Protein backbone atom coordinates (compact mmCIF):
# COMPACT_ATOMS: atom_id res chain seq x y z
CA MET A 1 -30.07 13.29 0.23
CA THR A 2 -30.89 10.19 2.32
CA SER A 3 -31.05 10.81 5.98
CA LEU A 4 -30.08 8.14 8.59
CA PRO A 5 -33.10 6.72 10.68
CA GLU A 6 -33.98 8.45 13.92
CA PRO A 7 -35.56 6.84 16.84
CA PRO A 8 -39.50 7.23 17.06
CA THR A 9 -39.32 9.03 20.35
CA SER A 10 -37.16 11.69 22.04
CA ALA A 11 -35.43 11.16 25.41
CA SER A 12 -38.31 12.36 27.13
CA GLY A 13 -40.62 9.95 25.38
CA SER A 14 -42.41 12.49 23.12
CA PRO A 15 -42.70 12.02 19.48
CA ARG A 16 -39.65 12.70 17.51
CA LEU A 17 -39.70 14.20 14.08
CA PRO A 18 -37.32 12.58 11.55
CA ARG A 19 -34.32 14.89 10.81
CA THR A 20 -34.48 16.98 7.64
CA LEU A 21 -31.20 17.99 6.02
CA ALA A 22 -30.73 21.62 4.78
CA THR A 23 -30.79 20.78 1.06
CA ASP A 24 -33.94 18.70 1.64
CA LEU A 25 -35.79 21.91 2.57
CA ALA A 26 -36.64 22.54 -1.19
CA SER A 27 -38.92 19.54 -0.94
CA TYR A 28 -41.28 21.38 1.35
CA ALA A 29 -42.18 24.05 -1.25
CA ASP A 30 -45.37 22.32 -2.07
CA ARG A 31 -46.00 21.37 1.72
CA PRO A 32 -45.98 24.89 3.51
CA GLY A 33 -46.92 24.48 7.26
CA GLN A 34 -45.35 21.01 7.52
CA PRO A 35 -43.48 20.56 10.84
CA LEU A 36 -39.96 19.54 10.56
CA ARG A 37 -36.68 19.06 12.48
CA LEU A 38 -33.14 20.51 11.44
CA SER A 39 -29.90 19.66 13.32
CA GLY A 40 -26.58 21.30 12.93
CA TRP A 41 -24.42 24.33 13.85
CA VAL A 42 -25.12 27.90 14.30
CA HIS A 43 -23.37 29.12 11.24
CA ARG A 44 -24.56 32.92 11.70
CA ARG A 45 -27.00 35.15 13.37
CA ARG A 46 -28.55 38.10 11.56
CA ARG A 47 -30.36 40.62 14.02
CA LEU A 48 -32.97 42.93 12.40
CA SER A 49 -35.73 45.12 13.89
CA GLY A 50 -38.26 42.62 15.43
CA LEU A 51 -36.73 39.44 14.30
CA THR A 52 -33.54 37.39 14.08
CA PHE A 53 -32.42 35.11 11.32
CA LEU A 54 -30.59 31.95 12.48
CA ILE A 55 -28.68 30.53 9.72
CA LEU A 56 -28.15 26.76 10.40
CA ARG A 57 -25.21 24.61 8.70
CA ASP A 58 -25.30 21.09 8.32
CA ARG A 59 -23.26 18.42 6.18
CA SER A 60 -25.39 19.29 3.21
CA GLY A 61 -25.60 23.04 3.27
CA ILE A 62 -27.26 25.94 5.03
CA ALA A 63 -31.02 26.60 6.21
CA GLN A 64 -32.70 29.75 7.26
CA VAL A 65 -34.61 29.97 10.49
CA VAL A 66 -36.69 32.99 11.15
CA VAL A 67 -37.00 33.73 14.90
CA LYS A 68 -39.77 36.47 16.13
CA ASP A 69 -40.64 35.34 19.54
CA ALA A 70 -38.87 37.59 22.11
CA ALA A 71 -38.02 34.66 24.29
CA ALA A 72 -36.48 32.75 21.33
CA ILE A 73 -34.63 35.80 20.15
CA ALA A 74 -32.98 36.13 23.61
CA GLN A 75 -32.19 32.27 23.52
CA VAL A 76 -30.47 32.79 20.06
CA GLU A 77 -28.47 35.78 21.47
CA ASP A 78 -26.82 33.15 24.00
CA LEU A 79 -26.16 30.55 21.13
CA PRO A 80 -22.74 31.70 19.70
CA GLU A 81 -21.62 30.60 16.14
CA GLU A 82 -20.75 26.90 16.04
CA THR A 83 -23.08 25.90 18.76
CA THR A 84 -24.71 22.60 18.01
CA VAL A 85 -28.43 22.91 18.10
CA ASP A 86 -31.81 21.10 17.16
CA VAL A 87 -34.59 23.15 15.49
CA VAL A 88 -38.15 21.97 15.45
CA GLY A 89 -40.38 24.39 13.27
CA VAL A 90 -42.73 25.01 10.39
CA ALA A 91 -41.83 25.05 6.69
CA SER A 92 -42.62 28.35 4.95
CA VAL A 93 -42.05 29.23 1.32
CA ASN A 94 -39.73 32.20 0.73
CA ALA A 95 -38.04 32.73 -2.64
CA GLN A 96 -35.16 34.59 -0.96
CA ALA A 97 -34.34 31.80 1.53
CA PRO A 98 -31.65 28.95 0.61
CA GLY A 99 -33.69 26.41 -1.58
CA GLY A 100 -36.77 28.72 -1.50
CA VAL A 101 -37.80 27.47 1.87
CA GLU A 102 -37.39 28.57 5.46
CA VAL A 103 -38.23 27.48 8.91
CA VAL A 104 -40.74 29.59 11.07
CA GLU A 105 -42.23 29.30 14.66
CA PRO A 106 -38.99 27.47 15.65
CA THR A 107 -38.19 25.62 19.04
CA ILE A 108 -34.58 25.66 19.43
CA VAL A 109 -32.63 23.29 21.81
CA ALA A 110 -28.72 23.51 22.28
CA LEU A 111 -27.16 20.07 21.90
CA GLY A 112 -24.04 21.28 23.99
CA ALA A 113 -22.48 24.05 25.88
CA PRO A 114 -22.25 27.44 23.72
CA ALA A 115 -19.16 27.16 21.43
CA ASP A 116 -16.15 29.37 21.90
CA THR A 117 -15.55 31.99 19.18
CA PRO A 118 -14.18 30.05 16.12
CA PRO A 119 -10.62 31.32 15.15
CA ILE A 120 -11.87 31.40 11.46
CA GLU A 121 -14.94 33.41 10.36
CA LEU A 122 -16.87 30.46 8.84
CA TRP A 123 -19.80 32.49 7.86
CA ARG A 124 -17.79 34.57 5.24
CA PRO A 125 -18.18 33.44 1.79
CA THR A 126 -14.36 32.92 1.54
CA ILE A 127 -11.62 32.25 4.14
CA THR A 128 -9.81 35.61 5.00
CA ALA A 129 -7.10 34.12 7.39
CA GLY A 130 -3.63 33.22 6.36
CA LEU A 131 -2.67 29.57 5.67
CA PRO A 132 -0.77 29.17 8.86
CA THR A 133 -3.86 30.15 10.81
CA MET A 134 -5.93 27.66 8.90
CA LEU A 135 -3.68 24.84 9.45
CA ASP A 136 -3.10 25.53 13.10
CA HIS A 137 -6.96 25.38 13.46
CA ALA A 138 -7.77 22.71 10.90
CA GLN A 139 -10.25 21.24 13.01
CA VAL A 140 -12.49 24.27 12.70
CA THR A 141 -11.18 25.46 9.19
CA TRP A 142 -12.55 22.42 7.50
CA ARG A 143 -16.15 23.42 8.60
CA HIS A 144 -15.99 26.31 6.07
CA PRO A 145 -18.29 25.46 3.17
CA ARG A 146 -15.40 26.08 0.53
CA GLN A 147 -13.04 23.84 2.58
CA GLN A 148 -15.42 21.23 2.83
CA ALA A 149 -16.12 21.28 -0.87
CA SER A 150 -12.40 20.90 -1.72
CA TRP A 151 -12.43 17.45 0.17
CA GLN A 152 -15.69 16.66 -1.50
CA LEU A 153 -13.58 16.65 -4.79
CA ALA A 154 -11.12 14.35 -3.36
CA ALA A 155 -13.71 11.95 -1.88
CA ALA A 156 -15.63 11.97 -5.28
CA SER A 157 -12.25 11.13 -7.07
CA LEU A 158 -11.64 8.27 -4.78
CA HIS A 159 -15.01 6.87 -5.60
CA GLY A 160 -14.24 7.15 -9.31
CA PHE A 161 -10.68 5.65 -8.83
CA ARG A 162 -12.06 2.50 -7.15
CA GLU A 163 -14.98 2.12 -9.47
CA ALA A 164 -12.76 2.35 -12.56
CA LEU A 165 -10.44 -0.24 -11.18
CA ASP A 166 -13.31 -2.58 -9.81
CA HIS A 167 -14.63 -2.54 -13.42
CA HIS A 168 -11.29 -3.68 -14.82
CA GLY A 169 -11.24 -6.64 -12.34
CA PHE A 170 -8.87 -5.32 -9.72
CA THR A 171 -8.96 -6.31 -5.99
CA GLU A 172 -8.43 -3.81 -3.26
CA VAL A 173 -5.82 -4.59 -0.91
CA HIS A 174 -4.13 -3.14 2.15
CA SER A 175 -0.41 -3.44 2.90
CA PRO A 176 1.46 -2.98 6.35
CA LYS A 177 2.72 0.48 7.15
CA LEU A 178 5.47 -0.93 9.53
CA VAL A 179 8.32 -2.49 7.72
CA GLU A 180 11.65 -4.02 8.38
CA SER A 181 13.58 -2.30 5.73
CA ALA A 182 13.33 0.89 3.56
CA THR A 183 11.09 0.09 0.78
CA GLU A 184 12.68 2.40 -1.78
CA SER A 185 16.32 2.81 -1.53
CA GLY A 186 17.77 6.33 -1.63
CA ALA A 187 14.86 8.03 0.26
CA ASN A 188 14.81 8.89 4.04
CA VAL A 189 12.61 6.96 6.15
CA PHE A 190 11.16 7.36 9.48
CA THR A 191 12.46 5.07 12.10
CA VAL A 192 10.31 3.63 14.85
CA ASP A 193 10.84 1.36 17.92
CA TYR A 194 9.17 -1.93 17.07
CA PHE A 195 9.25 -3.91 20.41
CA GLY A 196 13.07 -2.90 21.00
CA ARG A 197 14.22 -3.18 17.36
CA PRO A 198 14.08 -0.58 14.76
CA ALA A 199 11.27 -0.48 12.07
CA TYR A 200 10.27 1.90 9.35
CA LEU A 201 7.06 3.73 8.33
CA ALA A 202 6.48 2.46 4.65
CA GLN A 203 7.39 4.85 1.90
CA SER A 204 5.00 3.07 -0.30
CA PRO A 205 3.11 -0.33 -0.67
CA GLN A 206 5.46 -0.95 -3.76
CA PHE A 207 6.90 -4.21 -2.82
CA TYR A 208 3.62 -5.65 -1.48
CA LYS A 209 1.58 -4.71 -4.35
CA GLN A 210 4.15 -6.28 -6.57
CA VAL A 211 4.07 -9.72 -4.90
CA LEU A 212 0.36 -9.61 -4.62
CA VAL A 213 -0.09 -9.52 -8.36
CA GLY A 214 1.42 -13.03 -7.91
CA VAL A 215 -1.84 -13.76 -6.00
CA PHE A 216 -4.65 -11.45 -7.40
CA GLU A 217 -3.06 -10.33 -10.90
CA ARG A 218 -4.60 -6.83 -10.53
CA VAL A 219 -4.42 -5.04 -7.31
CA TYR A 220 -4.92 -1.45 -5.91
CA GLU A 221 -4.47 0.34 -2.60
CA VAL A 222 -5.61 3.55 -0.87
CA GLY A 223 -3.48 4.41 2.24
CA PRO A 224 -0.95 6.74 3.71
CA VAL A 225 2.70 6.73 2.79
CA PHE A 226 5.63 8.42 4.73
CA ARG A 227 8.55 10.24 3.23
CA ALA A 228 11.16 11.65 5.74
CA GLU A 229 12.89 13.72 2.97
CA PRO A 230 13.52 17.24 4.12
CA HIS A 231 11.44 18.92 1.29
CA ASP A 232 10.02 22.42 2.41
CA THR A 233 8.00 23.19 -0.87
CA VAL A 234 4.44 23.74 -1.73
CA ARG A 235 4.02 20.50 -3.45
CA HIS A 236 5.67 18.03 -1.04
CA LEU A 237 4.32 16.44 2.28
CA ALA A 238 6.00 14.08 4.74
CA GLU A 239 2.64 11.99 4.84
CA TYR A 240 0.20 11.93 1.98
CA VAL A 241 -2.55 9.60 0.66
CA SER A 242 -1.19 7.33 -2.14
CA LEU A 243 -3.42 5.65 -4.82
CA ASP A 244 -1.29 2.59 -5.89
CA VAL A 245 -2.23 0.35 -8.65
CA GLU A 246 -0.34 -2.79 -10.08
CA LEU A 247 -1.33 -5.25 -12.92
CA ALA A 248 0.32 -8.38 -14.26
CA PHE A 249 0.71 -10.02 -17.66
CA ILE A 250 1.46 -6.89 -19.28
CA ASP A 251 3.56 -6.36 -22.56
CA ASP A 252 5.27 -3.28 -21.43
CA HIS A 253 4.67 0.07 -19.72
CA ARG A 254 2.21 1.19 -22.48
CA ASP A 255 -0.33 -1.35 -21.10
CA VAL A 256 0.17 0.51 -17.68
CA ILE A 257 -0.56 3.93 -19.28
CA ALA A 258 -3.70 2.58 -20.85
CA VAL A 259 -5.08 1.60 -17.39
CA LEU A 260 -3.88 4.89 -15.86
CA ARG A 261 -5.83 6.73 -18.57
CA ASP A 262 -9.12 4.88 -17.81
CA VAL A 263 -8.44 5.48 -14.19
CA VAL A 264 -8.07 9.35 -14.31
CA ALA A 265 -11.29 9.15 -16.51
CA GLY A 266 -13.09 7.54 -13.79
CA MET A 267 -11.73 9.99 -11.21
CA VAL A 268 -12.90 12.71 -13.45
CA ALA A 269 -16.34 11.15 -13.94
CA GLY A 270 -16.59 10.71 -10.04
CA VAL A 271 -16.13 14.40 -9.68
CA ARG A 272 -18.72 15.33 -12.26
CA SER A 273 -21.22 12.98 -10.93
CA ARG A 274 -20.64 13.15 -7.11
CA ALA A 275 -19.38 16.53 -6.49
CA THR A 276 -21.60 18.85 -8.67
CA ALA A 277 -22.25 21.30 -5.92
CA ALA A 278 -18.46 21.50 -5.02
CA VAL A 279 -17.46 21.94 -8.57
CA GLU A 280 -20.04 24.78 -8.79
CA LEU A 281 -19.19 26.59 -5.56
CA LEU A 282 -15.56 26.44 -6.20
CA GLY A 283 -15.54 27.17 -10.03
CA VAL A 284 -13.59 24.05 -10.84
CA ASP A 285 -12.23 23.65 -14.33
CA VAL A 286 -12.83 19.83 -14.57
CA PRO A 287 -10.39 18.54 -17.08
CA VAL A 288 -11.24 16.81 -20.24
CA VAL A 289 -9.51 13.30 -20.43
CA PRO A 290 -8.47 12.49 -23.93
CA GLY A 291 -9.00 9.01 -25.37
CA GLU A 292 -5.27 8.48 -25.18
CA PHE A 293 -2.75 10.51 -23.32
CA PRO A 294 -0.19 12.38 -25.56
CA ILE A 295 3.26 10.56 -24.83
CA VAL A 296 6.93 12.06 -25.35
CA HIS A 297 9.89 10.32 -24.74
CA PHE A 298 12.24 11.82 -22.01
CA ARG A 299 14.85 12.96 -24.68
CA GLU A 300 12.05 14.69 -26.41
CA ALA A 301 10.82 16.47 -23.31
CA LEU A 302 14.22 17.91 -22.54
CA GLU A 303 14.00 19.44 -25.90
CA ILE A 304 10.60 20.95 -25.46
CA ALA A 305 11.77 22.21 -22.00
CA GLY A 306 14.85 23.85 -23.35
CA ALA A 307 16.85 21.56 -20.87
CA PRO A 308 20.25 20.22 -21.40
CA ALA A 309 20.46 16.71 -22.97
CA ASP A 310 22.22 15.22 -20.01
CA GLU A 311 19.65 16.13 -17.37
CA PRO A 312 18.70 13.07 -15.39
CA ASP A 313 15.19 14.22 -14.45
CA LEU A 314 12.62 16.87 -15.16
CA ALA A 315 12.62 19.98 -12.85
CA PRO A 316 9.54 21.76 -11.88
CA ALA A 317 10.13 24.51 -14.54
CA HIS A 318 10.59 21.69 -17.08
CA GLU A 319 7.26 20.00 -16.17
CA ARG A 320 5.59 23.45 -16.36
CA ALA A 321 6.90 23.93 -19.97
CA ILE A 322 5.97 20.38 -21.10
CA GLY A 323 2.52 20.86 -19.60
CA ALA A 324 2.10 24.29 -21.55
CA TRP A 325 3.41 22.39 -24.73
CA ALA A 326 0.87 19.66 -24.28
CA LYS A 327 -1.93 22.11 -24.00
CA GLU A 328 -0.83 24.09 -26.99
CA THR A 329 -0.21 21.32 -29.11
CA HIS A 330 -2.68 18.59 -28.17
CA GLY A 331 -5.23 20.64 -26.40
CA SER A 332 -4.73 18.29 -23.34
CA ASP A 333 -4.19 19.00 -19.53
CA PHE A 334 -2.30 15.68 -19.46
CA VAL A 335 0.89 14.40 -21.06
CA VAL A 336 3.08 11.39 -20.45
CA VAL A 337 6.71 11.44 -20.37
CA GLU A 338 8.27 8.06 -20.61
CA GLY A 339 11.80 6.64 -21.02
CA TYR A 340 13.63 8.11 -18.16
CA PRO A 341 17.07 7.28 -17.67
CA THR A 342 17.47 3.63 -15.89
CA ALA A 343 20.02 4.84 -13.64
CA HIS A 344 17.94 7.52 -11.88
CA ARG A 345 14.87 5.41 -11.35
CA ALA A 346 14.13 2.81 -8.60
CA PHE A 347 16.24 -0.42 -9.06
CA TYR A 348 13.03 -2.42 -9.76
CA THR A 349 12.42 -0.60 -13.01
CA HIS A 350 12.50 -2.47 -16.07
CA PRO A 351 15.16 -1.29 -18.67
CA GLU A 352 14.15 -0.86 -22.35
CA PRO A 353 15.68 -4.17 -23.84
CA ALA A 354 17.00 -2.46 -26.83
CA GLU A 355 18.37 0.79 -25.11
CA PRO A 356 19.04 -0.30 -21.51
CA GLN A 357 20.03 3.31 -20.52
CA TRP A 358 16.53 4.15 -21.09
CA SER A 359 13.71 2.74 -18.67
CA ARG A 360 10.06 1.51 -19.21
CA SER A 361 9.09 4.11 -16.73
CA PHE A 362 6.88 7.25 -16.98
CA ASP A 363 5.44 10.17 -15.37
CA LEU A 364 1.99 11.77 -16.02
CA ILE A 365 2.20 15.60 -16.04
CA PHE A 366 -1.09 17.10 -15.03
CA ARG A 367 -1.39 21.01 -15.68
CA GLY A 368 2.33 21.36 -15.52
CA ILE A 369 3.05 19.21 -12.35
CA GLU A 370 4.05 15.63 -12.10
CA LEU A 371 1.22 13.84 -10.68
CA VAL A 372 1.83 10.20 -11.40
CA SER A 373 4.89 7.91 -11.42
CA GLY A 374 4.76 4.35 -12.91
CA ALA A 375 6.68 1.74 -14.66
CA GLN A 376 6.97 -1.81 -15.78
CA ARG A 377 8.96 -3.64 -13.18
CA LEU A 378 11.43 -6.38 -13.22
CA HIS A 379 9.93 -9.76 -12.55
CA ARG A 380 12.68 -12.31 -12.64
CA HIS A 381 14.67 -12.94 -9.47
CA GLU A 382 18.12 -12.96 -11.17
CA ASP A 383 17.32 -9.53 -12.61
CA TYR A 384 16.74 -8.20 -9.11
CA VAL A 385 19.98 -9.60 -7.69
CA GLN A 386 21.93 -8.11 -10.53
CA ALA A 387 20.30 -4.69 -10.37
CA LEU A 388 20.87 -4.43 -6.62
CA ARG A 389 24.45 -5.50 -7.14
CA GLN A 390 24.91 -3.02 -10.04
CA ARG A 391 23.79 -0.13 -7.77
CA GLY A 392 25.96 -1.35 -4.80
CA TYR A 393 23.21 -2.26 -2.71
CA PRO A 394 23.39 -5.42 -0.30
CA VAL A 395 20.79 -8.16 -1.26
CA GLU A 396 20.01 -9.07 2.29
CA PRO A 397 17.98 -6.38 3.42
CA TYR A 398 15.75 -7.07 0.37
CA ALA A 399 15.90 -10.72 0.79
CA SER A 400 12.05 -11.43 1.89
CA TYR A 401 11.07 -9.06 -1.09
CA VAL A 402 13.51 -10.36 -3.86
CA ASP A 403 12.80 -14.09 -2.97
CA ALA A 404 9.28 -13.75 -3.90
CA PHE A 405 10.43 -13.49 -7.46
CA LYS A 406 11.68 -17.16 -7.22
CA HIS A 407 8.00 -18.34 -7.25
CA GLY A 408 6.73 -17.03 -10.56
CA ILE A 409 5.76 -13.52 -10.63
CA PRO A 410 4.49 -12.47 -14.10
CA PRO A 411 5.53 -9.38 -16.04
CA HIS A 412 3.92 -6.56 -14.42
CA GLY A 413 3.65 -2.78 -13.86
CA GLY A 414 2.00 -0.03 -11.99
CA PHE A 415 1.63 3.50 -10.78
CA ALA A 416 0.94 5.67 -8.03
CA ILE A 417 -1.39 8.88 -7.59
CA GLY A 418 -0.99 11.41 -4.91
CA LEU A 419 -4.47 12.35 -3.89
CA GLU A 420 -3.68 15.69 -2.35
CA ARG A 421 -1.63 16.61 -5.43
CA TRP A 422 -4.47 15.50 -7.61
CA THR A 423 -6.96 17.67 -5.74
CA GLY A 424 -4.41 20.53 -5.51
CA ARG A 425 -4.06 20.53 -9.48
CA LEU A 426 -8.03 20.30 -9.93
CA LEU A 427 -8.26 23.58 -7.98
CA GLU A 428 -5.04 24.98 -9.13
CA VAL A 429 -3.94 25.94 -5.68
CA GLU A 430 -0.72 27.50 -4.67
CA ASN A 431 0.03 25.08 -1.81
CA ILE A 432 -0.91 21.38 -1.37
CA ARG A 433 -1.52 21.98 2.28
CA GLN A 434 -4.65 23.97 1.24
CA VAL A 435 -6.32 20.78 0.36
CA THR A 436 -4.77 18.43 2.86
CA LEU A 437 -6.87 17.59 5.76
CA PHE A 438 -4.04 17.55 8.49
CA PRO A 439 -0.77 17.95 6.86
CA ARG A 440 2.49 16.65 7.86
CA ASP A 441 5.46 18.32 6.83
CA LEU A 442 9.01 19.48 8.01
CA HIS A 443 7.56 21.79 10.56
CA ARG A 444 4.13 20.47 11.38
CA ILE A 445 2.88 17.33 13.21
CA ALA A 446 -0.19 18.84 14.75
CA PRO A 447 -3.21 19.34 14.80
């Protein structure tokens, strides 16, 4: 790992060693006796007869410091777990130490006051606390190596997401999160006081990314979205990170699905290349992305799931059944369901011209849970006006959005991926809150 440059001297003016990260200790195996400096947290203290092991943790992993001097041992006794410290010592080869190298003859300097006892036993291999305790103390819970690893998967996925889209000529954009009207009719919104008049937290960047394809043709955004829907389930949040994509000059939604496939492949590649240690630590079953996603029409999906033919949407049990079918029939963790009923999709969704009761929309199901929603959108102004009127929506609240389509927006479509849901399915966790840094839901707005 690359360390940031350090100042050449300490605050007292004495020479200062550059910082070594825990995972870089292995490079000292052929340099025993070399002085070095570690900085991090007191992860664990193991007291033995005549010596103490101080286990130090930094962003890269853990290192073992052997303390034999009586005064230093007494000092370590006064450094509770999670106290931040600087350790200057000498590299020594020990096959049983992490990375095969430990630090001996240490000089230890506390970088702050002794830490309070953490609410989570971070030194244990796995977290034994219940989820409410973990969430109440998320600031500390995320220090646990396994928790850190789950976010490393998310971060690596984000890198792969951006890299795949950059490769395809997309431009990253950022849209406002305060808007004048609800961005997706039918969903609840969070109202805020905006200088004495009502405004809303954006439910998605949908409208903005659509009009921006009239500027850049291909755009994507990574940002928070807000849903005031009173869901209290293991798969819903009131705020989550949405990975939004929109592309222009398409023939139909199948062009969008093709880009989605490449994006998911890029996210998987990012996990494999940038989160190897996390994959190994957590035992992640990294999916194989097929050359093309298997695709079934909504009508067929209902039959596969054993659902009534007049169902307007897929329930979670249906998604699990379709995911199991895809795995058994196609050997795939992924399956696309296309052609949802137009009446039950957003008003901006393009209907199938030959069968307008079915839409050019789709969902991607990943390991039995809907991960992505997408569609071809309407792109003609008159179609928007008609769609709004057919659903009984007034045009005026959408005027600034709809009027953009008077100025030449090309045929386009897009999709959105929920980052937390993606990470949750990679790890196959029971509750999406387990992989959310600071979840916001029906009951929680802190920490």
